[in-house]
C-alpha atoms as a PDB file:
ATOM      1  CA  UNK A   1      34.277  41.459 184.025  1.00  0.00           C
ATOM      2  CA  UNK A   2      33.526  45.080 185.231  1.00  0.00           C
ATOM      3  CA  UNK A   3      32.943  44.186 188.700  1.00  0.00           C
ATOM      4  CA  UNK A   4      36.113  41.968 189.104  1.00  0.00           C
ATOM      5  CA  UNK A   5      37.999  45.190 187.677  1.00  0.00           C
ATOM      6  CA  UNK A   6      36.929  47.023 190.689  1.00  0.00           C
ATOM      7  CA  UNK A   7      37.407  44.022 193.001  1.00  0.00           C
ATOM      8  CA  UNK A   8      39.389  41.026 191.703  1.00  0.00           C
ATOM      9  CA  UNK A   9      38.801  39.390 194.961  1.00  0.00           C
ATOM     10  CA  UNK A  10      34.814  39.111 195.000  1.00  0.00           C
ATOM     11  CA  UNK A  11      34.450  35.322 194.560  1.00  0.00           C
ATOM     12  CA  UNK A  12      30.894  35.526 193.798  1.00  0.00           C
ATOM     13  CA  UNK A  13      31.634  37.414 190.489  1.00  0.00           C
ATOM     14  CA  UNK A  14      34.598  35.209 189.368  1.00  0.00           C
ATOM     15  CA  UNK A  15      32.222  32.091 189.709  1.00  0.00           C
ATOM     16  CA  UNK A  16      29.627  33.701 187.968  1.00  0.00           C
ATOM     17  CA  UNK A  17      31.949  34.861 185.147  1.00  0.00           C
ATOM     18  CA  UNK A  18      33.233  31.086 184.794  1.00  0.00           C
ATOM     19  CA  UNK A  19      29.350  30.058 184.731  1.00  0.00           C
ATOM     20  CA  UNK A  20      28.664  32.722 181.822  1.00  0.00           C
ATOM     21  CA  UNK A  21      31.635  31.500 179.843  1.00  0.00           C
ATOM     22  CA  UNK A  22      30.522  27.807 180.239  1.00  0.00           C
ATOM     23  CA  UNK A  23      27.213  28.810 179.134  1.00  0.00           C
ATOM     24  CA  UNK A  24      28.347  30.885 176.107  1.00  0.00           C
ATOM     25  CA  UNK A  25      30.386  27.571 175.218  1.00  0.00           C
ATOM     26  CA  UNK A  26      33.656  29.400 176.075  1.00  0.00           C
ATOM     27  CA  UNK A  27      35.631  26.659 177.804  1.00  0.00           C
ATOM     28  CA  UNK A  28      39.174  28.066 178.267  1.00  0.00           C
ATOM     29  CA  UNK A  29      38.126  31.098 179.753  1.00  0.00           C
ATOM     30  CA  UNK A  30      35.789  29.452 182.180  1.00  0.00           C
ATOM     31  CA  UNK A  31      38.697  27.356 182.778  1.00  0.00           C
ATOM     32  CA  UNK A  32      41.318  30.467 183.348  1.00  0.00           C
ATOM     33  CA  UNK A  33      38.786  31.605 185.906  1.00  0.00           C
ATOM     34  CA  UNK A  34      38.328  28.612 187.762  1.00  0.00           C
ATOM     35  CA  UNK A  35      42.168  28.220 187.825  1.00  0.00           C
ATOM     36  CA  UNK A  36      42.575  31.404 189.501  1.00  0.00           C
ATOM     37  CA  UNK A  37      40.265  30.180 192.471  1.00  0.00           C
ATOM     38  CA  UNK A  38      42.339  27.365 192.609  1.00  0.00           C
ATOM     39  CA  UNK A  39      45.814  28.963 192.492  1.00  0.00           C
ATOM     40  CA  UNK A  40      44.418  31.206 195.710  1.00  0.00           C
ATOM     41  CA  UNK A  41      43.404  27.820 197.510  1.00  0.00           C
ATOM     42  CA  UNK A  42      39.533  28.794 197.255  1.00  0.00           C
ATOM     43  CA  UNK A  43      38.289  26.150 194.771  1.00  0.00           C
ATOM     44  CA  UNK A  44      35.253  24.727 196.656  1.00  0.00           C
ATOM     45  CA  UNK A  45      34.067  21.164 195.691  1.00  0.00           C
ATOM     46  CA  UNK A  46      31.246  22.446 193.720  1.00  0.00           C
ATOM     47  CA  UNK A  47      33.997  24.456 191.755  1.00  0.00           C
ATOM     48  CA  UNK A  48      36.118  21.600 191.137  1.00  0.00           C
ATOM     49  CA  UNK A  49      33.056  19.918 189.401  1.00  0.00           C
ATOM     50  CA  UNK A  50      32.586  22.840 187.327  1.00  0.00           C
ATOM     51  CA  UNK A  51      36.338  23.022 186.526  1.00  0.00           C
ATOM     52  CA  UNK A  52      36.178  19.440 185.600  1.00  0.00           C
ATOM     53  CA  UNK A  53      33.142  19.474 183.456  1.00  0.00           C
ATOM     54  CA  UNK A  54      34.625  22.422 181.245  1.00  0.00           C
ATOM     55  CA  UNK A  55      38.030  20.624 180.995  1.00  0.00           C
ATOM     56  CA  UNK A  56      35.924  17.498 179.418  1.00  0.00           C
ATOM     57  CA  UNK A  57      33.825  20.010 177.196  1.00  0.00           C
ATOM     58  CA  UNK A  58      37.369  21.523 176.000  1.00  0.00           C
ATOM     59  CA  UNK A  59      38.983  17.958 175.405  1.00  0.00           C
ATOM     60  CA  UNK A  60      41.526  18.598 177.969  1.00  0.00           C
ATOM     61  CA  UNK A  61      40.145  14.593 179.354  1.00  0.00           C
ATOM     62  CA  UNK A  62      43.552  13.979 181.623  1.00  0.00           C
ATOM     63  CA  UNK A  63      43.603  17.401 183.199  1.00  0.00           C
ATOM     64  CA  UNK A  64      39.472  17.105 183.654  1.00  0.00           C
ATOM     65  CA  UNK A  65      40.358  13.329 185.532  1.00  0.00           C
ATOM     66  CA  UNK A  66      42.939  14.662 187.867  1.00  0.00           C
ATOM     67  CA  UNK A  67      40.565  17.541 188.998  1.00  0.00           C
ATOM     68  CA  UNK A  68      37.287  15.604 189.839  1.00  0.00           C
ATOM     69  CA  UNK A  69      39.501  12.469 191.165  1.00  0.00           C
ATOM     70  CA  UNK A  70      40.965  15.076 193.407  1.00  0.00           C
ATOM     71  CA  UNK A  71      37.217  16.603 194.383  1.00  0.00           C
ATOM     72  CA  UNK A  72      36.195  12.658 194.906  1.00  0.00           C
ATOM     73  CA  UNK A  73      38.950  12.049 197.369  1.00  0.00           C
ATOM     74  CA  UNK A  74      38.646  15.353 199.124  1.00  0.00           C
ATOM     75  CA  UNK A  75      34.696  14.549 199.394  1.00  0.00           C
ATOM     76  CA  UNK A  76      34.298  10.900 199.940  1.00  0.00           C
ATOM     77  CA  UNK A  77      30.432  11.284 200.769  1.00  0.00           C
ATOM     78  CA  UNK A  78      29.520  13.014 197.783  1.00  0.00           C
ATOM     79  CA  UNK A  79      28.329  11.521 194.451  1.00  0.00           C
ATOM     80  CA  UNK A  80      28.793  14.098 191.988  1.00  0.00           C
ATOM     81  CA  UNK A  81      32.447  14.017 191.232  1.00  0.00           C
ATOM     82  CA  UNK A  82      31.820  10.251 190.366  1.00  0.00           C
ATOM     83  CA  UNK A  83      29.528  11.238 187.948  1.00  0.00           C
ATOM     84  CA  UNK A  84      31.975  13.669 186.501  1.00  0.00           C
ATOM     85  CA  UNK A  85      34.674  11.117 186.797  1.00  0.00           C
ATOM     86  CA  UNK A  86      32.278   8.575 184.768  1.00  0.00           C
ATOM     87  CA  UNK A  87      31.623  11.112 182.078  1.00  0.00           C
ATOM     88  CA  UNK A  88      35.169  11.647 181.678  1.00  0.00           C
ATOM     89  CA  UNK A  89      35.458   7.782 181.190  1.00  0.00           C
ATOM     90  CA  UNK A  90      32.717   7.646 178.620  1.00  0.00           C
ATOM     91  CA  UNK A  91      34.731  10.476 176.678  1.00  0.00           C
ATOM     92  CA  UNK A  92      37.855   8.610 176.572  1.00  0.00           C
ATOM     93  CA  UNK A  93      35.876   5.214 175.503  1.00  0.00           C
ATOM     94  CA  UNK A  94      36.922   3.816 178.689  1.00  0.00           C
ATOM     95  CA  UNK A  95      33.314   2.175 179.613  1.00  0.00           C
ATOM     96  CA  UNK A  96      34.331  -0.390 182.275  1.00  0.00           C
ATOM     97  CA  UNK A  97      35.902   2.364 184.272  1.00  0.00           C
ATOM     98  CA  UNK A  98      32.951   4.526 183.567  1.00  0.00           C
ATOM     99  CA  UNK A  99      30.560   1.964 184.856  1.00  0.00           C
ATOM    100  CA  UNK A 100      32.787   1.290 188.275  1.00  0.00           C
ATOM    101  CA  UNK A 101      32.168   5.023 188.704  1.00  0.00           C
ATOM    102  CA  UNK A 102      28.241   4.809 188.301  1.00  0.00           C
ATOM    103  CA  UNK A 103      28.316   1.999 190.368  1.00  0.00           C
ATOM    104  CA  UNK A 104      30.535   3.575 193.177  1.00  0.00           C
ATOM    105  CA  UNK A 105      27.863   6.211 193.238  1.00  0.00           C
ATOM    106  CA  UNK A 106      24.848   3.823 193.570  1.00  0.00           C
ATOM    107  CA  UNK A 107      26.683   2.234 196.700  1.00  0.00           C
ATOM    108  CA  UNK A 108      26.095   5.722 198.491  1.00  0.00           C
ATOM    109  CA  UNK A 109      22.690   6.471 196.824  1.00  0.00           C
ATOM    110  CA  UNK A 110      20.887   3.621 195.220  1.00  0.00           C
ATOM    111  CA  UNK A 111      18.444   5.487 193.490  1.00  0.00           C
ATOM    112  CA  UNK A 112      20.661   8.176 191.770  1.00  0.00           C
ATOM    113  CA  UNK A 113      19.156   9.179 188.398  1.00  0.00           C
ATOM    114  CA  UNK A 114      22.155  10.435 186.814  1.00  0.00           C
ATOM    115  CA  UNK A 115      24.063   6.967 188.021  1.00  0.00           C
ATOM    116  CA  UNK A 116      21.049   4.978 186.847  1.00  0.00           C
ATOM    117  CA  UNK A 117      20.729   6.582 183.339  1.00  0.00           C
ATOM    118  CA  UNK A 118      24.434   6.455 182.783  1.00  0.00           C
ATOM    119  CA  UNK A 119      24.701   2.627 183.466  1.00  0.00           C
ATOM    120  CA  UNK A 120      21.455   2.537 181.281  1.00  0.00           C
ATOM    121  CA  UNK A 121      23.212   4.328 178.780  1.00  0.00           C
ATOM    122  CA  UNK A 122      26.457   1.984 178.975  1.00  0.00           C
ATOM    123  CA  UNK A 123      24.077  -1.072 178.544  1.00  0.00           C
ATOM    124  CA  UNK A 124      22.529   0.370 175.414  1.00  0.00           C
ATOM    125  CA  UNK A 125      26.142   0.781 173.914  1.00  0.00           C
ATOM    126  CA  UNK A 126      27.021  -2.701 174.719  1.00  0.00           C
ATOM    127  CA  UNK A 127      23.654  -4.063 173.510  1.00  0.00           C
ATOM    128  CA  UNK A 128      22.620  -5.283 176.711  1.00  0.00           C
ATOM    129  CA  UNK A 129      18.886  -4.735 176.558  1.00  0.00           C
ATOM    130  CA  UNK A 130      18.007  -6.466 179.758  1.00  0.00           C
ATOM    131  CA  UNK A 131      20.266  -4.231 181.846  1.00  0.00           C
ATOM    132  CA  UNK A 132      19.370  -1.080 179.949  1.00  0.00           C
ATOM    133  CA  UNK A 133      15.782  -1.738 180.570  1.00  0.00           C
ATOM    134  CA  UNK A 134      16.448  -2.506 184.095  1.00  0.00           C
ATOM    135  CA  UNK A 135      18.175   0.991 185.046  1.00  0.00           C
ATOM    136  CA  UNK A 136      15.594   3.058 183.110  1.00  0.00           C
ATOM    137  CA  UNK A 137      12.763   1.155 184.732  1.00  0.00           C
ATOM    138  CA  UNK A 138      14.370   2.120 188.299  1.00  0.00           C
ATOM    139  CA  UNK A 139      14.399   5.881 187.385  1.00  0.00           C
ATOM    140  CA  UNK A 140      10.640   5.744 186.437  1.00  0.00           C
ATOM    141  CA  UNK A 141      10.197   4.030 190.001  1.00  0.00           C
ATOM    142  CA  UNK A 142      11.370   7.208 191.617  1.00  0.00           C
ATOM    143  CA  UNK A 143      10.618   9.790 188.787  1.00  0.00           C
ATOM    144  CA  UNK A 144       7.667   8.690 187.078  1.00  0.00           C
ATOM    145  CA  UNK A 145       7.808  11.939 185.048  1.00  0.00           C
ATOM    146  CA  UNK A 146      11.204  11.457 183.784  1.00  0.00           C
ATOM    147  CA  UNK A 147      11.052  11.764 180.164  1.00  0.00           C
ATOM    148  CA  UNK A 148      14.365  10.967 179.226  1.00  0.00           C
ATOM    149  CA  UNK A 149      14.066   7.803 180.856  1.00  0.00           C
ATOM    150  CA  UNK A 150      11.172   7.125 178.751  1.00  0.00           C
ATOM    151  CA  UNK A 151      12.229   7.480 175.497  1.00  0.00           C
ATOM    152  CA  UNK A 152      15.419   5.458 176.514  1.00  0.00           C
ATOM    153  CA  UNK A 153      13.090   2.718 177.684  1.00  0.00           C
ATOM    154  CA  UNK A 154      11.079   3.049 174.722  1.00  0.00           C
ATOM    155  CA  UNK A 155      14.473   2.539 172.475  1.00  0.00           C
ATOM    156  CA  UNK A 156      15.130  -0.664 174.500  1.00  0.00           C
ATOM    157  CA  UNK A 157      11.834  -1.790 174.054  1.00  0.00           C
ATOM    158  CA  UNK A 158      11.925  -0.904 169.903  1.00  0.00           C
ATOM    159  CA  UNK A 159      15.081  -3.245 170.114  1.00  0.00           C
ATOM    160  CA  UNK A 160      13.417  -5.927 171.566  1.00  0.00           C
ATOM    161  CA  UNK A 161      10.518  -5.880 169.188  1.00  0.00           C
ATOM    162  CA  UNK A 162       7.941  -4.767 172.063  1.00  0.00           C
ATOM    163  CA  UNK A 163       7.259  -1.751 169.668  1.00  0.00           C
ATOM    164  CA  UNK A 164       3.643  -0.845 171.164  1.00  0.00           C
ATOM    165  CA  UNK A 165       5.171  -0.478 174.265  1.00  0.00           C
ATOM    166  CA  UNK A 166       7.954   1.803 172.787  1.00  0.00           C
ATOM    167  CA  UNK A 167       5.455   3.840 171.005  1.00  0.00           C
ATOM    168  CA  UNK A 168       3.444   4.443 174.429  1.00  0.00           C
ATOM    169  CA  UNK A 169       6.604   5.488 176.207  1.00  0.00           C
ATOM    170  CA  UNK A 170       7.411   7.750 173.338  1.00  0.00           C
ATOM    171  CA  UNK A 171       3.812   9.637 173.709  1.00  0.00           C
ATOM    172  CA  UNK A 172       4.172   9.781 177.703  1.00  0.00           C
ATOM    173  CA  UNK A 173       7.311  11.485 176.902  1.00  0.00           C
ATOM    174  CA  UNK A 174       5.994  13.387 174.696  1.00  0.00           C
ATOM    175  CA  UNK A 175       3.031  14.345 176.796  1.00  0.00           C
ATOM    176  CA  UNK A 176       5.684  15.432 179.564  1.00  0.00           C
ATOM    177  CA  UNK A 177       7.657  17.580 177.298  1.00  0.00           C
ATOM    178  CA  UNK A 178       5.941  18.252 173.895  1.00  0.00           C
ATOM    179  CA  UNK A 179       9.145  19.723 172.352  1.00  0.00           C
ATOM    180  CA  UNK A 180      11.286  16.844 173.066  1.00  0.00           C
ATOM    181  CA  UNK A 181      13.036  16.107 169.824  1.00  0.00           C
ATOM    182  CA  UNK A 182      14.382  12.588 170.728  1.00  0.00           C
ATOM    183  CA  UNK A 183      10.842  11.615 171.416  1.00  0.00           C
ATOM    184  CA  UNK A 184       9.615  13.099 168.545  1.00  0.00           C
ATOM    185  CA  UNK A 185      12.072  11.381 166.415  1.00  0.00           C
ATOM    186  CA  UNK A 186      11.872   7.761 168.011  1.00  0.00           C
ATOM    187  CA  UNK A 187       7.909   8.061 167.822  1.00  0.00           C
ATOM    188  CA  UNK A 188       8.203   8.877 163.990  1.00  0.00           C
ATOM    189  CA  UNK A 189      10.288   6.277 163.404  1.00  0.00           C
ATOM    190  CA  UNK A 190       8.193   3.683 165.469  1.00  0.00           C
ATOM    191  CA  UNK A 191       5.004   4.655 163.573  1.00  0.00           C
ATOM    192  CA  UNK A 192       6.628   4.563 160.314  1.00  0.00           C
ATOM    193  CA  UNK A 193       7.958   0.948 160.990  1.00  0.00           C
ATOM    194  CA  UNK A 194       4.264  -0.220 162.094  1.00  0.00           C
ATOM    195  CA  UNK A 195       2.294   1.010 159.027  1.00  0.00           C
ATOM    196  CA  UNK A 196       1.630   4.606 160.175  1.00  0.00           C
ATOM    197  CA  UNK A 197       3.626   7.009 157.507  1.00  0.00           C
ATOM    198  CA  UNK A 198       1.421   9.637 157.577  1.00  0.00           C
ATOM    199  CA  UNK A 199       0.971  10.203 161.253  1.00  0.00           C
END
């Protein structure tokens, strides 16, 4: 803020300030800084994603959709605007539109981890165990150390009665990330349900 008071045109400072506001969960000030860049005609594609995400975090979903849709149109070969758009659709409970946005990313990059994870999560919501399993397994083929995919695949295994496989996946996730609260919670549930309450 002090730097911008001296030099309002310093773009790095304005972008850094918007990032600091986002990190501090102050979405409206972050949006205001990015809107200043937009007004001056110097909003980059990356800025557009950050603006869209802040609008989504602030609950301004229609504005968020408009920003990321525009960014997607202007950058047709970049997948990130479509990921952000999918997340807006999820927030608006438009799951079919979210799935279509994730699938669009996979057409550009078949192993895109965020798109695969998003489709896996949507399949879990729809109770489509086979589809969810396929998406999370695909992530682990390209990113074997992805603890998040291990946990979600473990959840699928639990739901389909393959508890031993689920426990193994939760343990692998915890080996990778010992403080992964989600993995610890699911492992505890799996152990409790299989007669190991003390563990």
